[in-house]
Every structure is written in structure tokens, then in C-alpha cells.
């Protein structure tokens, strides 16, 4: 069963993730467009993770990317890959 990232309490998410998800969900666009924005943000987090010198930061950025991808897949499962 797929769990929505937005159903996780805000305290369980890294600080900027819940804000990014809320902003992507709030735009006046179809789910496919909102999901694309979340996937783009997840790709940015993955690229940004490569720059982390600290393994904990690297892991946190990859975790954030996974959360964003999971929410994008919930919004538009056909494009989830």
C-alpha cells in the first residue's frame, strides 16, 4: 500500500519538504504537472546530495528526494516509472 507523504506528520519530514509538497499541491494545475514539479525537485535534491561532504547530509538529501518521488507517484502513478 502506498502511503501519502502529506499524511506523515510535519515533524517527521525534513523542514523544507513539507513546504515544497504543499506548494506543489497548491498550484492550480493538473496532478501530472504538480507531480512533474515534485520529480524535478527530487532530481535537484539528488544532484545536491552529491555535493555533501558529510554522509548524514548526503543520506538526508537522498531521503528527501525519495519522499518527493513517493508523493509524485501518489499524484500521478502512471508516470512514476
Protein backbone atom coordinates (compact mmCIF):
# COMPACT_ATOMS: atom_id res chain seq x y z
CA UNK A 1 0.00 0.00 0.00
CA UNK A 2 1.36 3.42 -0.93
CA UNK A 3 1.31 5.96 1.84
CA UNK A 4 0.95 9.63 1.05
CA UNK A 5 3.85 11.77 2.18
CA UNK A 6 1.40 14.51 3.09
CA UNK A 7 -0.19 12.14 5.61
CA UNK A 8 3.09 11.95 7.55
CA UNK A 9 3.24 14.47 10.36
CA UNK A 10 5.24 17.60 9.60
CA UNK A 11 7.66 16.76 12.40
CA UNK A 12 8.64 13.56 10.55
CA UNK A 13 9.63 15.43 7.38
CA UNK A 14 12.76 17.46 6.79
CA UNK A 15 11.91 21.13 7.18
CA UNK A 16 11.67 22.15 3.53
CA UNK A 17 9.97 19.01 2.23
CA UNK A 18 6.52 19.59 3.69
CA UNK A 19 6.64 23.17 2.39
CA UNK A 20 7.68 22.01 -1.09
CA UNK A 21 4.91 19.42 -1.20
CA UNK A 22 2.31 21.93 0.00
CA UNK A 23 3.41 24.46 -2.62
CA UNK A 24 3.37 21.88 -5.41
CA UNK A 25 -0.07 20.68 -4.35
CA UNK A 26 -1.43 24.20 -4.05
CA UNK A 27 -0.67 25.32 -7.58
CA UNK A 28 -3.63 25.46 -9.88
CA UNK A 29 -2.59 22.71 -12.27
CA UNK A 30 -3.48 19.15 -13.07
CA UNK A 31 -1.90 16.39 -10.96
CA UNK A 32 0.53 15.46 -13.73
CA UNK A 33 2.03 18.98 -13.68
CA UNK A 34 2.25 19.03 -9.89
CA UNK A 35 3.86 15.58 -9.91
CA UNK A 36 6.40 16.76 -12.51
CA UNK A 37 7.37 19.68 -10.26
CA UNK A 38 7.91 17.30 -7.34
CA UNK A 39 10.00 14.98 -9.53
CA UNK A 40 12.10 17.93 -10.69
CA UNK A 41 12.66 18.93 -7.07
CA UNK A 42 13.62 15.34 -6.21
CA UNK A 43 16.17 15.34 -9.04
CA UNK A 44 17.61 18.58 -7.69
CA UNK A 45 17.95 17.03 -4.21
CA UNK A 46 19.76 14.02 -5.70
CA UNK A 47 22.20 16.26 -7.57
CA UNK A 48 22.65 18.40 -4.46
CA UNK A 49 23.35 15.26 -2.39
CA UNK A 50 26.43 14.56 -4.49
CA UNK A 51 27.94 17.79 -3.16
CA UNK A 52 27.57 16.83 0.50
CA UNK A 53 30.83 16.15 2.31
CA UNK A 54 29.01 14.72 5.31
CA UNK A 55 27.42 11.24 4.88
CA UNK A 56 24.49 12.20 7.14
CA UNK A 57 23.67 15.19 4.95
CA UNK A 58 24.06 13.08 1.81
CA UNK A 59 21.65 10.48 3.20
CA UNK A 60 19.16 13.13 4.33
CA UNK A 61 19.07 14.69 0.86
CA UNK A 62 18.51 11.30 -0.78
CA UNK A 63 15.76 10.55 1.73
CA UNK A 64 14.11 13.87 0.88
CA UNK A 65 14.31 13.02 -2.83
CA UNK A 66 12.66 9.66 -2.15
CA UNK A 67 9.83 11.34 -0.23
CA UNK A 68 9.23 13.79 -3.06
CA UNK A 69 9.21 10.97 -5.62
CA UNK A 70 6.78 8.98 -3.49
CA UNK A 71 4.37 11.91 -3.34
CA UNK A 72 4.73 12.49 -7.09
CA UNK A 73 3.94 8.82 -7.71
CA UNK A 74 0.88 9.10 -5.50
CA UNK A 75 -0.35 12.08 -7.55
CA UNK A 76 0.41 10.56 -10.95
CA UNK A 77 1.18 6.83 -10.71
CA UNK A 78 1.29 6.30 -14.48
CA UNK A 79 4.37 8.49 -14.88
CA UNK A 80 6.16 7.05 -11.85
CA UNK A 81 8.42 4.72 -13.75
